[in-house]
Amino acid sequence: MNNGPIKKTGFRRIDEDHMLLLEIMRELSGKVSNNNRLEEVTKTLQFYAADHFDREYRLMVYGGLSTENIQKHLLAHARFSDRVAQFAEVSCQNTSNSMDELTRMLRSVSDEFGALRVGHLKPDQQMGAYLLQWLLTHTNSMDQTMIAEIKQMRPNLDSNTFE
């Protein structure tokens, strides 16, 4: 039940979302040639992440996930969305102040995730790498826990019918 770096959940639409988000993150952590393209990619990420997070929320409620676990999951999603929004705003300004702000954000994210070896990348690519790391960590741990609880609560839930 593995799909490369992201474990499948067994819910087709959720798994498709994860793969699309992975591709967007890979593009973001790669070489984005100009600020217009960077802005486009970050806006795409914001849109698809919000859509996906809404879909996961509906699955959590429909699947009978505990209120406590729903809240933890929503908090993780909110932190991610905030990071992406901050990154989009700062990285597209391309001023010395925005680069200082991006450096501060990177330090904060680095403290959160531990030391990733991305110092050789430009700051915007570093942030993309951190966001990619978040996606991989989140989907392979928190989402897997969510799915296990849902399957326990609703063992007869047809994962192919949930959209």
C-alpha atoms as a PDB file:
ATOM      1  CA  MET A   1       0.000   0.000   0.000  1.00  0.00           C
ATOM      2  CA  ASN A   2       2.771   2.402  -0.880  1.00  0.00           C
ATOM      3  CA  ASN A   3       2.755   5.084  -3.527  1.00  0.00           C
ATOM      4  CA  GLY A   4       6.355   6.243  -3.551  1.00  0.00           C
ATOM      5  CA  PRO A   5       7.154   8.597  -0.712  1.00  0.00           C
ATOM      6  CA  ILE A   6       3.488   8.933   0.344  1.00  0.00           C
ATOM      7  CA  LYS A   7       1.576   6.009   1.826  1.00  0.00           C
ATOM      8  CA  LYS A   8      -1.869   5.510   0.330  1.00  0.00           C
ATOM      9  CA  THR A   9      -4.913   5.984   2.521  1.00  0.00           C
ATOM     10  CA  GLY A  10      -7.178   3.746   0.487  1.00  0.00           C
ATOM     11  CA  PHE A  11      -9.500   6.665  -0.253  1.00  0.00           C
ATOM     12  CA  ARG A  12      -9.056   7.321  -3.961  1.00  0.00           C
ATOM     13  CA  ARG A  13      -9.793  11.049  -3.901  1.00  0.00           C
ATOM     14  CA  ILE A  14      -7.586  11.695  -0.836  1.00  0.00           C
ATOM     15  CA  ASP A  15      -4.733   9.745  -2.438  1.00  0.00           C
ATOM     16  CA  GLU A  16      -5.131  11.682  -5.696  1.00  0.00           C
ATOM     17  CA  ASP A  17      -5.024  14.944  -3.733  1.00  0.00           C
ATOM     18  CA  HIS A  18      -1.838  13.857  -1.976  1.00  0.00           C
ATOM     19  CA  MET A  19      -0.142  13.066  -5.271  1.00  0.00           C
ATOM     20  CA  LEU A  20      -1.186  16.394  -6.796  1.00  0.00           C
ATOM     21  CA  LEU A  21       0.052  18.276  -3.719  1.00  0.00           C
ATOM     22  CA  LEU A  22       3.311  16.330  -3.897  1.00  0.00           C
ATOM     23  CA  GLU A  23       3.831  17.414  -7.498  1.00  0.00           C
ATOM     24  CA  ILE A  24       3.105  21.062  -6.653  1.00  0.00           C
ATOM     25  CA  MET A  25       5.545  20.899  -3.725  1.00  0.00           C
ATOM     26  CA  ARG A  26       8.223  19.315  -5.871  1.00  0.00           C
ATOM     27  CA  GLU A  27       7.864  22.144  -8.348  1.00  0.00           C
ATOM     28  CA  LEU A  28       8.018  24.679  -5.537  1.00  0.00           C
ATOM     29  CA  SER A  29      11.159  23.160  -4.042  1.00  0.00           C
ATOM     30  CA  GLY A  30      12.770  22.993  -7.492  1.00  0.00           C
ATOM     31  CA  LYS A  31      13.966  25.871  -9.570  1.00  0.00           C
ATOM     32  CA  VAL A  32      11.090  28.298 -10.114  1.00  0.00           C
ATOM     33  CA  SER A  33      12.454  30.630 -12.745  1.00  0.00           C
ATOM     34  CA  ASN A  34      10.796  33.918 -11.824  1.00  0.00           C
ATOM     35  CA  ASN A  35       8.589  35.616  -9.244  1.00  0.00           C
ATOM     36  CA  ASN A  36       5.493  35.401 -11.453  1.00  0.00           C
ATOM     37  CA  ARG A  37       5.904  31.630 -11.687  1.00  0.00           C
ATOM     38  CA  LEU A  38       6.594  31.401  -7.946  1.00  0.00           C
ATOM     39  CA  GLU A  39       3.419  33.357  -7.216  1.00  0.00           C
ATOM     40  CA  GLU A  40       1.437  31.100  -9.570  1.00  0.00           C
ATOM     41  CA  VAL A  41       2.772  27.924  -7.939  1.00  0.00           C
ATOM     42  CA  THR A  42       2.139  29.148  -4.387  1.00  0.00           C
ATOM     43  CA  LYS A  43      -1.410  30.235  -5.281  1.00  0.00           C
ATOM     44  CA  THR A  44      -2.024  26.822  -6.855  1.00  0.00           C
ATOM     45  CA  LEU A  45      -0.708  25.200  -3.694  1.00  0.00           C
ATOM     46  CA  GLN A  46      -2.970  27.352  -1.519  1.00  0.00           C
ATOM     47  CA  PHE A  47      -6.023  26.499  -3.626  1.00  0.00           C
ATOM     48  CA  TYR A  48      -5.443  22.743  -3.786  1.00  0.00           C
ATOM     49  CA  ALA A  49      -4.408  22.494  -0.138  1.00  0.00           C
ATOM     50  CA  ALA A  50      -7.603  24.275   0.963  1.00  0.00           C
ATOM     51  CA  ASP A  51      -9.710  22.007  -1.250  1.00  0.00           C
ATOM     52  CA  HIS A  52      -7.942  18.908   0.050  1.00  0.00           C
ATOM     53  CA  PHE A  53      -8.162  19.997   3.695  1.00  0.00           C
ATOM     54  CA  ASP A  54     -11.904  20.517   3.270  1.00  0.00           C
ATOM     55  CA  ARG A  55     -12.234  17.030   1.784  1.00  0.00           C
ATOM     56  CA  GLU A  56     -10.264  15.510   4.677  1.00  0.00           C
ATOM     57  CA  TYR A  57     -12.414  17.393   7.185  1.00  0.00           C
ATOM     58  CA  ARG A  58     -15.583  15.978   5.642  1.00  0.00           C
ATOM     59  CA  LEU A  59     -14.035  12.493   5.745  1.00  0.00           C
ATOM     60  CA  MET A  60     -13.100  12.929   9.416  1.00  0.00           C
ATOM     61  CA  VAL A  61     -16.649  13.965  10.332  1.00  0.00           C
ATOM     62  CA  TYR A  62     -18.305  11.348   8.129  1.00  0.00           C
ATOM     63  CA  GLY A  63     -15.928   8.669   9.382  1.00  0.00           C
ATOM     64  CA  GLY A  64     -16.624   9.395  13.029  1.00  0.00           C
ATOM     65  CA  LEU A  65     -13.156  10.607  13.987  1.00  0.00           C
ATOM     66  CA  SER A  66     -12.991  11.815  17.587  1.00  0.00           C
ATOM     67  CA  THR A  67     -13.444  15.547  18.160  1.00  0.00           C
ATOM     68  CA  GLU A  68      -9.996  15.720  19.764  1.00  0.00           C
ATOM     69  CA  ASN A  69      -8.311  14.153  16.727  1.00  0.00           C
ATOM     70  CA  ILE A  70     -10.297  16.326  14.327  1.00  0.00           C
ATOM     71  CA  GLN A  71      -9.095  19.412  16.201  1.00  0.00           C
ATOM     72  CA  LYS A  72      -5.457  18.240  16.119  1.00  0.00           C
ATOM     73  CA  HIS A  73      -5.720  17.566  12.404  1.00  0.00           C
ATOM     74  CA  LEU A  74      -7.355  20.908  11.684  1.00  0.00           C
ATOM     75  CA  LEU A  75      -4.655  22.693  13.683  1.00  0.00           C
ATOM     76  CA  ALA A  76      -1.940  21.010  11.598  1.00  0.00           C
ATOM     77  CA  HIS A  77      -3.762  22.034   8.411  1.00  0.00           C
ATOM     78  CA  ALA A  78      -4.151  25.618   9.652  1.00  0.00           C
ATOM     79  CA  ARG A  79      -0.437  25.882  10.484  1.00  0.00           C
ATOM     80  CA  PHE A  80       0.459  24.610   7.050  1.00  0.00           C
ATOM     81  CA  SER A  81      -1.944  27.014   5.341  1.00  0.00           C
ATOM     82  CA  ASP A  82      -0.544  29.918   7.366  1.00  0.00           C
ATOM     83  CA  ARG A  83       3.019  28.973   6.391  1.00  0.00           C
ATOM     84  CA  VAL A  84       2.117  28.781   2.716  1.00  0.00           C
ATOM     85  CA  ALA A  85       0.313  32.140   2.870  1.00  0.00           C
ATOM     86  CA  GLN A  86       3.292  33.780   4.609  1.00  0.00           C
ATOM     87  CA  PHE A  87       5.691  32.202   2.146  1.00  0.00           C
ATOM     88  CA  ALA A  88       3.614  33.341  -0.826  1.00  0.00           C
ATOM     89  CA  GLU A  89       3.478  36.894   0.468  1.00  0.00           C
ATOM     90  CA  VAL A  90       7.141  37.171   1.401  1.00  0.00           C
ATOM     91  CA  SER A  91       8.725  35.316  -1.507  1.00  0.00           C
ATOM     92  CA  CYS A  92       6.863  37.252  -4.187  1.00  0.00           C
ATOM     93  CA  GLN A  93       7.956  40.662  -2.864  1.00  0.00           C
ATOM     94  CA  ASN A  94      11.654  40.142  -3.678  1.00  0.00           C
ATOM     95  CA  THR A  95      12.996  42.994  -1.542  1.00  0.00           C
ATOM     96  CA  SER A  96      15.775  42.938   1.044  1.00  0.00           C
ATOM     97  CA  ASN A  97      13.125  43.113   3.798  1.00  0.00           C
ATOM     98  CA  SER A  98      11.255  40.165   2.293  1.00  0.00           C
ATOM     99  CA  MET A  99      14.476  38.138   2.148  1.00  0.00           C
ATOM    100  CA  ASP A 100      15.077  38.903   5.847  1.00  0.00           C
ATOM    101  CA  GLU A 101      11.531  37.816   6.613  1.00  0.00           C
ATOM    102  CA  LEU A 102      11.979  34.641   4.576  1.00  0.00           C
ATOM    103  CA  THR A 103      15.183  33.889   6.504  1.00  0.00           C
ATOM    104  CA  ARG A 104      13.280  34.329   9.796  1.00  0.00           C
ATOM    105  CA  MET A 105      10.545  32.016   8.529  1.00  0.00           C
ATOM    106  CA  LEU A 106      13.128  29.423   7.544  1.00  0.00           C
ATOM    107  CA  ARG A 107      14.653  29.503  11.032  1.00  0.00           C
ATOM    108  CA  SER A 108      11.208  29.014  12.549  1.00  0.00           C
ATOM    109  CA  VAL A 109      10.377  26.134  10.228  1.00  0.00           C
ATOM    110  CA  SER A 110      13.793  24.598  10.786  1.00  0.00           C
ATOM    111  CA  ASP A 111      13.161  24.641  14.538  1.00  0.00           C
ATOM    112  CA  GLU A 112       9.835  22.929  13.929  1.00  0.00           C
ATOM    113  CA  PHE A 113      11.134  20.211  11.609  1.00  0.00           C
ATOM    114  CA  GLY A 114      14.694  19.817  12.753  1.00  0.00           C
ATOM    115  CA  ALA A 115      17.725  20.343  10.610  1.00  0.00           C
ATOM    116  CA  LEU A 116      17.084  19.475   6.991  1.00  0.00           C
ATOM    117  CA  ARG A 117      20.117  19.707   4.774  1.00  0.00           C
ATOM    118  CA  VAL A 118      18.904  22.365   2.379  1.00  0.00           C
ATOM    119  CA  GLY A 119      21.409  25.161   3.025  1.00  0.00           C
ATOM    120  CA  HIS A 120      22.743  24.850  -0.522  1.00  0.00           C
ATOM    121  CA  LEU A 121      19.349  25.928  -1.918  1.00  0.00           C
ATOM    122  CA  LYS A 122      18.097  29.472  -2.419  1.00  0.00           C
ATOM    123  CA  PRO A 123      15.726  30.617   0.380  1.00  0.00           C
ATOM    124  CA  ASP A 124      12.566  30.117  -1.699  1.00  0.00           C
ATOM    125  CA  GLN A 125      13.704  26.599  -2.597  1.00  0.00           C
ATOM    126  CA  GLN A 126      14.487  25.927   1.071  1.00  0.00           C
ATOM    127  CA  MET A 127      10.961  26.902   2.021  1.00  0.00           C
ATOM    128  CA  GLY A 128       9.594  24.668  -0.726  1.00  0.00           C
ATOM    129  CA  ALA A 129      11.714  21.814   0.640  1.00  0.00           C
ATOM    130  CA  TYR A 130      10.347  22.374   4.132  1.00  0.00           C
ATOM    131  CA  LEU A 131       6.774  22.419   2.847  1.00  0.00           C
ATOM    132  CA  LEU A 132       7.472  19.190   0.977  1.00  0.00           C
ATOM    133  CA  GLN A 133       8.848  17.672   4.179  1.00  0.00           C
ATOM    134  CA  TRP A 134       5.671  18.724   5.999  1.00  0.00           C
ATOM    135  CA  LEU A 135       3.495  17.024   3.388  1.00  0.00           C
ATOM    136  CA  LEU A 136       5.440  13.774   3.554  1.00  0.00           C
ATOM    137  CA  THR A 137       5.494  13.746   7.348  1.00  0.00           C
ATOM    138  CA  HIS A 138       1.826  14.698   7.681  1.00  0.00           C
ATOM    139  CA  THR A 139       0.451  12.235   5.137  1.00  0.00           C
ATOM    140  CA  ASN A 140       2.586   9.342   6.338  1.00  0.00           C
ATOM    141  CA  SER A 141       1.817   9.823  10.021  1.00  0.00           C
ATOM    142  CA  MET A 142      -1.189  11.967  10.921  1.00  0.00           C
ATOM    143  CA  ASP A 143      -3.272  10.999   7.887  1.00  0.00           C
ATOM    144  CA  GLN A 144      -2.480   7.304   8.390  1.00  0.00           C
ATOM    145  CA  THR A 145      -3.593   7.575  12.034  1.00  0.00           C
ATOM    146  CA  MET A 146      -6.772   9.331  10.901  1.00  0.00           C
ATOM    147  CA  ILE A 147      -7.566   6.571   8.391  1.00  0.00           C
ATOM    148  CA  ALA A 148      -6.901   3.819  10.947  1.00  0.00           C
ATOM    149  CA  GLU A 149      -9.319   5.447  13.412  1.00  0.00           C
ATOM    150  CA  ILE A 150     -11.963   5.932  10.717  1.00  0.00           C
ATOM    151  CA  LYS A 151     -11.674   2.297   9.638  1.00  0.00           C
ATOM    152  CA  GLN A 152     -12.040   1.248  13.252  1.00  0.00           C
ATOM    153  CA  MET A 153     -15.082   3.488  13.813  1.00  0.00           C
ATOM    154  CA  ARG A 154     -16.748   2.669  10.470  1.00  0.00           C
ATOM    155  CA  PRO A 155     -15.348  -0.649   9.223  1.00  0.00           C
ATOM    156  CA  ASN A 156     -17.967  -0.870   6.465  1.00  0.00           C
ATOM    157  CA  LEU A 157     -17.244   2.575   5.049  1.00  0.00           C
ATOM    158  CA  ASP A 158     -16.743   2.216   1.303  1.00  0.00           C
ATOM    159  CA  SER A 159     -13.583   4.163   0.587  1.00  0.00           C
ATOM    160  CA  ASN A 160     -14.377   4.292  -3.134  1.00  0.00           C
ATOM    161  CA  THR A 161     -17.591   6.233  -2.684  1.00  0.00           C
ATOM    162  CA  PHE A 162     -16.295   9.047  -0.488  1.00  0.00           C
ATOM    163  CA  GLU A 163     -15.547  12.163  -2.498  1.00  0.00           C
END
